[in-house]
Amino acid sequence: MRNAAPGFSSGRRRGALRAAAAAAVLPLALISAPASAHEAAEELRADLDEILSDPSLAVSGVVVLDPGTGERLYERDAAESLLPASNMKLFTSAAALEVLGPDHTFSTQVVAGERRGYRGAVDSLYLVGGGDPTLTADDIDALAEEVADAGVRLVRGDVYADDTWFDGERLVDDWWPEDEPYAYSAQISALTVAHGERYDTGVTEVVVSPGTRGEAPRVDLGAAAGYAELDNRAVTGAPGSANTLWVDRPAGANTVVVGGSIPEGASPVTALRTVEEPALLAGHLFEQALERHGVTVEGDVEAGAVPGRGRTEVLGSHTSPELSEIFVPFLKLSNNGHAEMLIKSIGRETAGEGTWEAGLTGVEEALTGLGVDTSGMVFHDGSGLSRTDRTTADAVTGLLAEARDEDWYPVFREALPVAGEADQFTGGTLRFRMGGTAAQGAVRAKTGTMSGVSALSGYVSGPDGELVFSVLNNGHTGPAPTGVQDAVAIRLAEYLGNTASQGVSPLSARAPQPGGELECSWELTC
């Protein structure tokens, strides 16, 4: 039987008591059950103060908001302009849904130049990108099959990769050059190949297998075989020796460099590495697919746009899944390439220009139209990889609250990672966080981590309602303070009447968590 004071649920009382019992460092006042909703809120604020007293923290912008009433239950440095890391994707995704719509699709076409001589020959073929972040090698193969089915047997000239739907700027100007080999910093193009079920764009899967001791290991460049160069400096070491293998792609070079040592008999090592000019990789795969389907290409693969004059003919077309479906791998796994392609697509839609400048202007205008205060923000990219980006906890919670009133909100909410849910495409970057706590299944939030920056912002739901929250940590020392963020989310979940299956308290969750300095999805650890 419930025995709660008016206006305060027993669920909230039980949450406060559990937190007090589990951590002796909490104030003695937490031991007594609150007599009102006001006291419950006061206890919540005291607990959050205690959680955020972690000495490793430097600056923390924090807001907890009741979106139904507009009441601020907690705030700390709410208007401080801070680096958002991948929390920037919250703004990008909301703007994309507002501007493009959940049912938006992306088109990739094959356009033929004039047919001359016998009907089975064309002068040239153009693979034309339309900004699809999910175009796979299988999709390209299907387009080649359409060309063959149209009766083409010979391409007298070149196959052109046309990515002019976006501009030619491949990387944001302040992204770190040392990040360029890695999938989270791939070049952005309107024509790019997506790898695997995560749809990582602009990359190839490199597999290194040991040979015989003293010999070079075998290296498979995956999709980029025949496109990228290989510089194999590695050696096969003695069985049981240290594995010191490394795989790199120097900035500005379309060469995969492999070095170090891999022990004889060891399992193959797999690494995703970016390529130079992703559109040309797509063209390379298209040319190979044409040959498989009986279409001979006499020329080369080049970059080039469909001519504005002369006769052309569309021979094949591929349509992507709807944006609502693409949002799942995008937000769950914090895909930077998707974010930047969406920015340029927004620019195309709003200004007829597939550029970062036009797209970011479109983002800011869309957010302002939604009622989000962007005065403390700086928009420099869509993913949050840029260290010029700035936002505030106020702006993040403002966006989260305003989004609840939009028709596209179910898509936005569903795409956020869910705490403690093991399935990759449910839990995403939160799949290994907050399991067994009151937050499991109750917290849907966007993560964000890079050197010196970490964030967690989203929704907490429970029997007693829903809250929106944002925790932006900048300048911390040591590991990313994901444990602090988790502790905040767990305490909010308890406040809303959720219970823990394993009795994990917020303060015990606050302990430093294992992990690197990047999003776990970027490091392929979640």
Protein backbone atom coordinates (compact mmCIF):
# COMPACT_ATOMS: atom_id res chain seq x y z
CA MET A 1 0.00 0.00 0.00
CA ARG A 2 1.24 3.46 -0.80
CA ASN A 3 1.69 5.84 2.09
CA ALA A 4 2.91 9.00 0.42
CA ALA A 5 2.25 12.57 1.33
CA PRO A 6 -0.01 14.50 -1.06
CA GLY A 7 1.78 15.57 -4.24
CA PHE A 8 4.73 13.20 -3.83
CA SER A 9 4.81 9.62 -5.08
CA SER A 10 6.17 6.69 -3.11
CA GLY A 11 8.34 5.95 -6.16
CA ARG A 12 10.19 9.21 -5.67
CA ARG A 13 10.56 8.51 -1.95
CA ARG A 14 11.92 5.01 -2.53
CA GLY A 15 14.46 6.41 -5.04
CA ALA A 16 15.79 8.90 -2.51
CA LEU A 17 16.00 6.27 0.23
CA ARG A 18 17.88 3.81 -2.00
CA ALA A 19 20.43 6.45 -2.94
CA ALA A 20 20.93 7.36 0.73
CA ALA A 21 21.31 3.78 1.90
CA ALA A 22 23.82 2.90 -0.82
CA ALA A 23 26.22 5.78 -0.23
CA ALA A 24 27.11 6.89 3.29
CA VAL A 25 28.59 10.11 1.94
CA LEU A 26 25.14 11.48 1.19
CA PRO A 27 23.76 14.03 3.64
CA LEU A 28 21.86 12.65 6.63
CA ALA A 29 18.80 14.60 5.51
CA LEU A 30 18.32 12.13 2.66
CA ILE A 31 17.51 9.37 5.13
CA SER A 32 14.14 10.84 6.04
CA ALA A 33 11.34 10.56 3.50
CA PRO A 34 10.24 13.88 1.99
CA ALA A 35 6.87 15.27 2.94
CA SER A 36 6.06 17.04 -0.33
CA ALA A 37 6.91 17.38 -3.96
CA HIS A 38 8.83 20.53 -3.00
CA GLU A 39 10.99 18.58 -0.58
CA ALA A 40 11.50 15.86 -3.18
CA ALA A 41 12.78 18.47 -5.61
CA GLU A 42 15.04 19.94 -2.93
CA GLU A 43 16.49 16.51 -2.21
CA LEU A 44 17.00 15.96 -5.94
CA ARG A 45 18.95 19.20 -6.20
CA ALA A 46 21.09 18.28 -3.19
CA ASP A 47 21.85 14.88 -4.71
CA LEU A 48 22.77 16.39 -8.06
CA ASP A 49 25.06 18.88 -6.31
CA GLU A 50 26.76 15.94 -4.59
CA ILE A 51 27.12 14.01 -7.87
CA LEU A 52 28.54 17.03 -9.66
CA SER A 53 31.07 17.72 -6.89
CA ASP A 54 33.40 15.20 -8.53
CA PRO A 55 36.88 16.78 -8.36
CA SER A 56 37.78 15.69 -11.90
CA LEU A 57 35.19 18.04 -13.39
CA ALA A 58 36.08 21.52 -14.61
CA VAL A 59 33.06 23.18 -16.26
CA SER A 60 29.68 21.48 -16.33
CA GLY A 61 26.63 23.02 -17.95
CA VAL A 62 23.62 21.19 -16.52
CA VAL A 63 19.88 21.72 -16.82
CA VAL A 64 17.00 19.49 -15.71
CA LEU A 65 13.62 20.64 -16.98
CA ASP A 66 10.04 19.49 -16.64
CA PRO A 67 8.87 19.99 -20.25
CA GLY A 68 5.20 19.86 -19.27
CA THR A 69 5.34 22.77 -16.83
CA GLY A 70 8.53 24.49 -17.90
CA GLU A 71 9.84 24.21 -14.33
CA ARG A 72 13.61 24.03 -13.95
CA LEU A 73 14.36 21.43 -11.33
CA TYR A 74 18.09 22.02 -11.54
CA GLU A 75 20.60 24.21 -13.33
CA ARG A 76 24.33 24.86 -13.19
CA ASP A 77 26.17 27.12 -15.65
CA ALA A 78 23.13 26.73 -17.90
CA ALA A 79 24.10 29.60 -20.22
CA GLU A 80 27.82 28.74 -20.40
CA SER A 81 28.90 28.38 -24.04
CA LEU A 82 30.56 24.95 -24.22
CA LEU A 83 31.86 22.40 -26.70
CA PRO A 84 29.01 19.93 -27.35
CA ALA A 85 30.90 17.02 -28.99
CA SER A 86 28.29 14.74 -30.58
CA ASN A 87 25.43 16.47 -28.78
CA MET A 88 25.66 18.75 -31.82
CA LYS A 89 23.85 15.98 -33.68
CA LEU A 90 20.69 16.75 -31.70
CA PHE A 91 20.47 20.11 -33.46
CA THR A 92 21.43 18.66 -36.85
CA SER A 93 18.84 15.91 -36.63
CA ALA A 94 16.02 18.19 -35.50
CA ALA A 95 16.78 20.62 -38.33
CA ALA A 96 16.95 17.78 -40.87
CA LEU A 97 13.56 16.48 -39.77
CA GLU A 98 12.12 19.98 -39.89
CA VAL A 99 13.59 20.93 -43.29
CA LEU A 100 13.72 17.62 -45.17
CA GLY A 101 10.98 15.67 -43.38
CA PRO A 102 10.95 12.10 -42.00
CA ASP A 103 9.88 10.67 -45.37
CA HIS A 104 12.73 12.30 -47.31
CA THR A 105 14.73 9.96 -49.55
CA PHE A 106 17.98 10.33 -51.49
CA SER A 107 18.41 9.32 -55.12
CA THR A 108 21.41 7.92 -56.99
CA GLN A 109 21.18 7.70 -60.77
CA VAL A 110 23.06 6.32 -63.74
CA VAL A 111 22.98 8.67 -66.71
CA ALA A 112 24.27 7.68 -70.16
CA GLY A 113 25.79 9.92 -72.77
CA GLU A 114 24.70 9.61 -76.38
CA ARG A 115 24.34 6.19 -77.99
CA ARG A 116 26.26 5.98 -81.23
CA GLY A 117 26.85 3.22 -83.72
CA TYR A 118 25.08 0.10 -82.65
CA ARG A 119 22.44 0.46 -79.94
CA GLY A 120 24.40 -1.43 -77.30
CA ALA A 121 27.12 1.23 -77.03
CA VAL A 122 27.17 4.55 -75.16
CA ASP A 123 29.79 7.26 -75.20
CA SER A 124 30.01 7.53 -71.41
CA LEU A 125 28.23 6.69 -68.16
CA TYR A 126 27.73 8.93 -65.13
CA LEU A 127 27.09 7.62 -61.63
CA VAL A 128 25.33 10.60 -60.08
CA GLY A 129 25.22 10.96 -56.29
CA GLY A 130 22.35 12.66 -54.49
CA GLY A 131 23.71 12.66 -50.94
CA ASP A 132 22.62 9.14 -49.94
CA PRO A 133 24.45 8.15 -46.72
CA THR A 134 23.31 4.52 -47.06
CA LEU A 135 24.36 3.67 -50.64
CA THR A 136 26.07 0.27 -50.49
CA ALA A 137 28.24 -1.72 -52.87
CA ASP A 138 25.23 -4.00 -53.44
CA ASP A 139 23.14 -0.99 -54.46
CA ILE A 140 25.84 0.02 -56.93
CA ASP A 141 25.88 -3.52 -58.30
CA ALA A 142 22.10 -3.33 -58.80
CA LEU A 143 22.53 -0.09 -60.74
CA ALA A 144 25.08 -1.78 -63.00
CA GLU A 145 22.61 -4.58 -63.59
CA GLU A 146 19.99 -2.02 -64.64
CA VAL A 147 22.45 -0.65 -67.18
CA ALA A 148 22.98 -4.14 -68.61
CA ASP A 149 19.23 -4.77 -68.62
CA ALA A 150 18.83 -1.58 -70.69
CA GLY A 151 20.85 -3.26 -73.43
CA VAL A 152 24.17 -1.50 -72.93
CA ARG A 153 27.15 -3.71 -73.69
CA LEU A 154 29.90 -1.19 -74.32
CA VAL A 155 31.01 2.12 -72.82
CA ARG A 156 33.31 3.67 -75.45
CA GLY A 157 34.63 6.35 -73.12
CA ASP A 158 34.89 6.87 -69.38
CA VAL A 159 32.74 6.12 -66.37
CA TYR A 160 32.30 9.36 -64.42
CA ALA A 161 31.65 9.76 -60.71
CA ASP A 162 29.41 12.83 -60.39
CA ASP A 163 29.18 14.16 -56.83
CA THR A 164 28.40 17.76 -57.73
CA TRP A 165 25.16 17.69 -55.74
CA PHE A 166 27.49 18.82 -52.93
CA ASP A 167 30.50 21.08 -53.24
CA GLY A 168 34.05 19.76 -53.32
CA GLU A 169 34.99 20.63 -49.73
CA ARG A 170 35.70 17.25 -48.16
CA LEU A 171 36.60 18.07 -44.55
CA VAL A 172 35.73 20.80 -42.08
CA ASP A 173 38.62 23.23 -41.83
CA ASP A 174 39.40 22.66 -38.14
CA TRP A 175 39.06 18.89 -37.95
CA TRP A 176 42.33 17.41 -36.75
CA PRO A 177 44.50 16.05 -39.60
CA GLU A 178 45.59 13.12 -37.43
CA ASP A 179 41.96 11.93 -37.37
CA GLU A 180 41.74 11.62 -41.18
CA PRO A 181 42.49 7.87 -41.41
CA TYR A 182 39.57 6.98 -39.15
CA ALA A 183 35.94 6.41 -40.07
CA TYR A 184 34.64 9.17 -37.80
CA SER A 185 36.59 11.71 -39.89
CA ALA A 186 35.88 10.43 -43.40
CA GLN A 187 35.71 12.79 -46.37
CA ILE A 188 32.23 14.08 -47.22
CA SER A 189 30.86 13.59 -50.73
CA ALA A 190 27.43 13.44 -52.35
CA LEU A 191 28.49 10.09 -53.83
CA THR A 192 29.97 7.74 -51.27
CA VAL A 193 29.78 4.05 -50.40
CA ALA A 194 28.38 2.97 -47.03
CA HIS A 195 30.07 0.04 -45.31
CA GLY A 196 28.35 -2.58 -43.16
CA GLU A 197 25.20 -2.34 -41.09
CA ARG A 198 26.46 0.85 -39.46
CA TYR A 199 26.61 2.54 -42.89
CA ASP A 200 30.05 4.08 -42.32
CA THR A 201 30.73 6.26 -45.36
CA GLY A 202 33.95 6.90 -47.25
CA VAL A 203 35.81 3.92 -45.79
CA THR A 204 37.17 0.53 -46.70
CA GLU A 205 37.64 -2.53 -44.50
CA VAL A 206 41.30 -3.54 -44.32
CA VAL A 207 41.99 -7.12 -43.20
CA VAL A 208 45.53 -8.14 -42.26
CA SER A 209 46.26 -11.87 -41.91
CA PRO A 210 49.56 -13.31 -40.67
CA GLY A 211 51.79 -15.22 -43.04
CA THR A 212 54.80 -17.35 -42.22
CA ARG A 213 57.21 -16.09 -39.60
CA GLY A 214 59.55 -13.50 -41.09
CA GLU A 215 57.36 -12.85 -44.11
CA ALA A 216 54.98 -9.99 -44.84
CA PRO A 217 51.38 -10.56 -43.73
CA ARG A 218 48.59 -10.72 -46.30
CA VAL A 219 46.58 -7.51 -46.67
CA ASP A 220 43.11 -7.29 -48.21
CA LEU A 221 42.07 -3.70 -48.94
CA GLY A 222 38.40 -4.64 -49.22
CA ALA A 223 36.30 -2.34 -51.40
CA ALA A 224 39.36 -0.20 -52.13
CA ALA A 225 41.35 -3.07 -53.68
CA GLY A 226 42.48 -1.78 -57.06
CA TYR A 227 41.60 1.79 -56.08
CA ALA A 228 43.88 2.59 -53.15
CA GLU A 229 47.59 1.82 -53.06
CA LEU A 230 49.12 -0.51 -50.46
CA ASP A 231 52.39 0.09 -48.64
CA ASN A 232 52.93 -3.10 -46.63
CA ARG A 233 55.82 -2.62 -44.19
CA ALA A 234 54.57 -5.19 -41.68
CA VAL A 235 56.13 -8.50 -40.78
CA THR A 236 54.82 -11.79 -39.41
CA GLY A 237 56.34 -12.40 -36.00
CA ALA A 238 56.97 -15.57 -34.02
CA PRO A 239 53.91 -17.42 -32.66
CA GLY A 240 52.84 -15.84 -29.39
CA SER A 241 54.88 -12.67 -29.92
CA ALA A 242 53.49 -9.22 -29.31
CA ASN A 243 51.00 -7.88 -31.82
CA THR A 244 52.21 -4.39 -32.75
CA LEU A 245 50.35 -4.11 -36.05
CA TRP A 246 49.12 -0.69 -37.16
CA VAL A 247 47.12 0.49 -40.19
CA ASP A 248 47.26 4.08 -41.39
CA ARG A 249 46.30 6.28 -44.33
CA PRO A 250 48.47 9.40 -44.43
CA ALA A 251 46.52 12.61 -44.99
CA GLY A 252 46.25 13.57 -48.64
CA ALA A 253 47.41 10.19 -49.92
CA ASN A 254 45.24 7.38 -51.23
CA THR A 255 47.62 4.82 -49.76
CA VAL A 256 47.01 2.39 -46.93
CA VAL A 257 50.19 1.85 -44.92
CA VAL A 258 50.51 -1.26 -42.76
CA GLY A 259 53.35 -1.65 -40.28
CA GLY A 260 54.41 -3.42 -37.12
CA SER A 261 54.28 -7.13 -36.42
CA ILE A 262 51.46 -9.69 -36.27
CA PRO A 263 52.19 -13.10 -34.69
CA GLU A 264 52.16 -16.19 -36.87
CA GLY A 265 48.91 -18.08 -36.30
CA ALA A 266 47.10 -15.06 -34.86
CA SER A 267 43.57 -14.09 -35.87
CA PRO A 268 43.29 -11.55 -38.69
CA VAL A 269 43.18 -7.89 -37.71
CA THR A 270 40.38 -5.77 -39.21
CA ALA A 271 40.47 -1.98 -39.43
CA LEU A 272 38.20 0.56 -41.09
CA ARG A 273 40.20 3.24 -42.85
CA THR A 274 39.09 6.19 -44.93
CA VAL A 275 39.83 6.70 -48.60
CA GLU A 276 40.79 9.76 -50.60
CA GLU A 277 37.92 11.00 -52.80
CA PRO A 278 35.05 8.66 -51.87
CA ALA A 279 33.17 9.38 -55.11
CA LEU A 280 35.97 7.84 -57.14
CA LEU A 281 35.80 4.72 -54.97
CA ALA A 282 32.09 4.52 -55.81
CA GLY A 283 32.95 4.92 -59.49
CA HIS A 284 35.59 2.21 -59.20
CA LEU A 285 33.05 -0.22 -57.71
CA PHE A 286 30.52 0.74 -60.39
CA GLU A 287 33.03 0.01 -63.18
CA GLN A 288 33.79 -3.40 -61.66
CA ALA A 289 30.08 -4.16 -61.38
CA LEU A 290 29.50 -3.20 -65.00
CA GLU A 291 32.17 -5.66 -66.10
CA ARG A 292 30.57 -8.41 -63.97
CA HIS A 293 27.25 -7.77 -65.72
CA GLY A 294 28.75 -7.99 -69.20
CA VAL A 295 29.30 -4.29 -69.91
CA THR A 296 32.77 -3.51 -71.25
CA VAL A 297 34.30 -0.17 -70.28
CA GLU A 298 36.99 1.01 -72.67
CA GLY A 299 37.89 4.17 -70.75
CA ASP A 300 38.79 4.97 -67.15
CA VAL A 301 36.99 6.08 -64.00
CA GLU A 302 37.09 9.84 -63.65
CA ALA A 303 35.38 12.61 -61.70
CA GLY A 304 32.95 14.59 -63.82
CA ALA A 305 29.48 16.10 -64.01
CA VAL A 306 26.67 15.16 -66.36
CA PRO A 307 26.94 17.61 -69.28
CA GLY A 308 24.33 20.31 -69.45
CA ARG A 309 24.03 19.95 -73.21
CA GLY A 310 23.57 17.02 -75.53
CA ARG A 311 21.39 13.98 -75.25
CA THR A 312 21.45 12.02 -72.04
CA GLU A 313 19.38 9.13 -70.78
CA VAL A 314 18.68 7.85 -67.27
CA LEU A 315 19.39 4.12 -67.31
CA GLY A 316 19.12 3.32 -63.61
CA SER A 317 18.00 4.78 -60.33
CA HIS A 318 18.28 3.85 -56.67
CA THR A 319 16.23 5.36 -53.85
CA SER A 320 17.45 5.29 -50.27
CA PRO A 321 15.38 4.33 -47.23
CA GLU A 322 13.38 7.17 -45.73
CA LEU A 323 15.14 9.56 -43.38
CA SER A 324 13.16 8.12 -40.47
CA GLU A 325 14.90 4.77 -41.04
CA ILE A 326 18.33 6.28 -41.66
CA PHE A 327 18.09 8.10 -38.33
CA VAL A 328 18.50 4.84 -36.39
CA PRO A 329 22.14 4.12 -37.35
CA PHE A 330 22.82 7.86 -37.52
CA LEU A 331 21.89 8.77 -33.94
CA LYS A 332 22.20 5.43 -32.20
CA LEU A 333 25.81 5.09 -33.37
CA SER A 334 26.70 8.79 -33.66
CA ASN A 335 27.66 8.67 -37.34
CA ASN A 336 29.61 11.81 -38.26
CA GLY A 337 29.46 11.24 -42.00
CA HIS A 338 25.68 11.10 -41.91
CA ALA A 339 25.53 14.34 -39.93
CA GLU A 340 27.65 16.25 -42.42
CA MET A 341 25.79 14.86 -45.42
CA LEU A 342 22.55 15.99 -43.80
CA ILE A 343 24.00 19.48 -43.32
CA LYS A 344 24.83 19.77 -47.01
CA SER A 345 21.44 18.30 -47.95
CA ILE A 346 19.77 20.98 -45.83
CA GLY A 347 21.82 23.58 -47.73
CA ARG A 348 20.64 22.09 -51.01
CA GLU A 349 17.02 22.22 -49.85
CA THR A 350 17.06 25.74 -48.39
CA ALA A 351 19.54 27.57 -50.63
CA GLY A 352 20.21 25.33 -53.62
CA GLU A 353 23.81 24.88 -52.43
CA GLY A 354 25.26 21.68 -51.01
CA THR A 355 27.76 23.47 -48.77
CA TRP A 356 28.48 23.62 -45.06
CA GLU A 357 27.87 27.37 -45.06
CA ALA A 358 24.40 27.10 -46.61
CA GLY A 359 23.49 24.04 -44.59
CA LEU A 360 24.50 25.46 -41.22
CA THR A 361 22.58 28.65 -41.98
CA GLY A 362 19.58 26.45 -42.75
CA VAL A 363 20.04 24.60 -39.46
CA GLU A 364 20.11 27.79 -37.44
CA GLU A 365 17.05 29.16 -39.22
CA ALA A 366 15.13 25.92 -38.65
CA LEU A 367 16.01 25.88 -34.96
CA THR A 368 14.98 29.50 -34.53
CA GLY A 369 11.69 28.64 -36.20
CA LEU A 370 11.21 25.85 -33.65
CA GLY A 371 11.64 28.36 -30.83
CA VAL A 372 15.18 27.35 -29.80
CA ASP A 373 17.39 30.14 -28.46
CA THR A 374 20.61 29.85 -30.49
CA SER A 375 22.23 33.05 -29.21
CA GLY A 376 24.92 31.15 -27.27
CA MET A 377 25.67 28.75 -30.09
CA VAL A 378 28.31 28.51 -32.80
CA PHE A 379 27.58 26.22 -35.76
CA HIS A 380 30.73 25.00 -37.53
CA ASP A 381 29.78 21.46 -38.48
CA GLY A 382 26.89 19.06 -38.01
CA SER A 383 28.56 16.24 -36.12
CA GLY A 384 30.29 18.02 -33.25
CA LEU A 385 33.77 16.90 -34.31
CA SER A 386 34.73 20.55 -34.77
CA ARG A 387 36.21 22.31 -31.75
CA THR A 388 34.72 25.59 -32.93
CA ASP A 389 31.15 24.41 -32.22
CA ARG A 390 29.50 25.85 -29.12
CA THR A 391 26.19 25.31 -27.38
CA THR A 392 24.65 25.70 -23.92
CA ALA A 393 22.75 23.35 -21.67
CA ASP A 394 19.90 25.85 -21.97
CA ALA A 395 19.82 25.47 -25.75
CA VAL A 396 19.98 21.66 -25.60
CA THR A 397 17.10 21.31 -23.16
CA GLY A 398 15.20 23.99 -25.05
CA LEU A 399 15.49 21.92 -28.21
CA LEU A 400 14.51 18.69 -26.44
CA ALA A 401 11.44 20.35 -24.95
CA GLU A 402 10.34 22.03 -28.19
CA ALA A 403 10.81 18.82 -30.19
CA ARG A 404 8.05 17.11 -28.18
CA ASP A 405 5.46 19.29 -29.95
CA GLU A 406 6.55 18.44 -33.49
CA ASP A 407 5.01 15.85 -35.81
CA TRP A 408 8.45 14.30 -36.33
CA TYR A 409 9.12 13.88 -32.61
CA PRO A 410 8.46 10.08 -32.54
CA VAL A 411 11.21 9.59 -35.15
CA PHE A 412 13.62 11.81 -33.21
CA ARG A 413 12.93 10.10 -29.90
CA GLU A 414 13.05 6.56 -31.27
CA ALA A 415 16.48 7.16 -32.83
CA LEU A 416 18.14 8.15 -29.54
CA PRO A 417 20.24 5.53 -27.70
CA VAL A 418 18.43 3.76 -24.85
CA ALA A 419 20.29 3.18 -21.60
CA GLY A 420 21.30 -0.39 -20.81
CA GLU A 421 19.63 -2.01 -23.83
CA ALA A 422 22.10 -4.52 -25.26
CA ASP A 423 20.89 -4.55 -28.88
CA GLN A 424 23.18 -2.32 -30.92
CA PHE A 425 20.33 -0.66 -32.79
CA THR A 426 18.36 -0.01 -29.61
CA GLY A 427 20.95 0.85 -27.01
CA GLY A 428 23.47 2.32 -29.43
CA THR A 429 26.19 4.23 -27.59
CA LEU A 430 24.35 3.64 -24.28
CA ARG A 431 24.06 -0.13 -24.65
CA PHE A 432 26.75 -0.77 -22.02
CA ARG A 433 25.85 2.10 -19.71
CA MET A 434 23.37 2.19 -16.80
CA GLY A 435 22.33 -1.45 -17.14
CA GLY A 436 20.58 -2.80 -14.04
CA THR A 437 19.86 0.71 -12.75
CA ALA A 438 16.66 2.71 -12.53
CA ALA A 439 17.72 4.36 -15.79
CA GLN A 440 17.74 1.18 -17.89
CA GLY A 441 15.12 1.53 -20.61
CA ALA A 442 13.97 4.83 -19.09
CA VAL A 443 16.69 7.12 -20.44
CA ARG A 444 16.88 8.02 -24.13
CA ALA A 445 19.80 10.32 -24.69
CA LYS A 446 22.55 11.43 -27.04
CA THR A 447 26.11 10.83 -25.95
CA GLY A 448 29.16 12.80 -26.96
CA THR A 449 32.82 12.24 -26.17
CA MET A 450 36.14 13.47 -27.52
CA SER A 451 39.33 14.61 -25.82
CA GLY A 452 38.42 16.90 -22.92
CA VAL A 453 34.73 17.01 -23.88
CA SER A 454 31.84 14.75 -22.89
CA ALA A 455 28.07 15.12 -22.83
CA LEU A 456 24.80 13.32 -22.25
CA SER A 457 21.44 14.93 -23.05
CA GLY A 458 17.97 13.56 -23.58
CA TYR A 459 14.78 12.31 -21.95
CA VAL A 460 14.01 10.43 -18.75
CA SER A 461 10.59 8.84 -18.40
CA GLY A 462 8.93 7.07 -15.49
CA PRO A 463 5.64 6.47 -13.65
CA ASP A 464 5.72 10.05 -12.40
CA GLY A 465 6.24 11.82 -15.71
CA GLU A 466 9.08 12.84 -18.00
CA LEU A 467 12.06 15.17 -17.73
CA VAL A 468 14.54 16.55 -20.23
CA PHE A 469 18.14 17.02 -19.19
CA SER A 470 21.53 18.04 -20.47
CA VAL A 471 24.97 17.51 -18.97
CA LEU A 472 27.85 19.16 -20.88
CA ASN A 473 31.32 18.52 -19.43
CA ASN A 474 34.34 20.46 -20.69
CA GLY A 475 37.94 20.56 -19.51
CA HIS A 476 37.80 17.53 -17.23
CA THR A 477 40.91 15.64 -16.27
CA GLY A 478 41.38 11.89 -16.69
CA PRO A 479 38.77 9.67 -18.40
CA ALA A 480 35.56 11.10 -19.80
CA PRO A 481 33.16 11.61 -16.85
CA THR A 482 30.51 9.29 -18.24
CA GLY A 483 29.97 7.93 -14.74
CA VAL A 484 28.96 11.38 -13.52
CA GLN A 485 26.52 11.74 -16.41
CA ASP A 486 25.11 8.28 -15.71
CA ALA A 487 24.70 9.14 -12.02
CA VAL A 488 22.68 12.22 -12.94
CA ALA A 489 20.45 10.20 -15.29
CA ILE A 490 19.95 7.42 -12.72
CA ARG A 491 18.97 9.90 -10.02
CA LEU A 492 16.45 11.50 -12.38
CA ALA A 493 15.02 8.09 -13.22
CA GLU A 494 14.60 7.33 -9.52
CA TYR A 495 12.97 10.71 -8.96
CA LEU A 496 10.36 9.72 -11.57
CA GLY A 497 9.54 6.47 -9.77
CA ASN A 498 11.72 3.95 -11.59
CA THR A 499 13.43 1.19 -9.63
CA ALA A 500 16.79 -0.50 -10.07
CA SER A 501 16.93 -4.22 -10.85
CA GLN A 502 20.39 -4.56 -9.31
CA GLY A 503 20.33 -1.91 -6.60
CA VAL A 504 22.88 0.40 -8.25
CA SER A 505 22.86 3.84 -6.62
CA PRO A 506 23.63 7.09 -8.42
CA LEU A 507 26.79 7.75 -6.43
CA SER A 508 28.19 4.29 -7.02
CA ALA A 509 27.54 4.81 -10.74
CA ARG A 510 29.55 8.02 -10.54
CA ALA A 511 32.84 6.11 -10.26
CA PRO A 512 35.11 6.47 -13.33
CA GLN A 513 33.98 4.19 -16.13
CA PRO A 514 36.26 2.30 -18.52
CA GLY A 515 36.54 3.85 -21.94
CA GLY A 516 38.62 6.00 -24.22
CA GLU A 517 38.52 9.63 -25.24
CA LEU A 518 36.12 9.11 -28.15
CA GLU A 519 32.57 7.91 -28.70
CA CYS A 520 32.50 4.15 -28.17
CA SER A 521 30.94 3.73 -31.63
CA TRP A 522 33.89 5.54 -33.19
CA GLU A 523 36.24 3.11 -31.46
CA LEU A 524 33.96 0.18 -32.42
CA THR A 525 33.59 -0.85 -28.78
CA CYS A 526 29.79 -0.58 -28.65
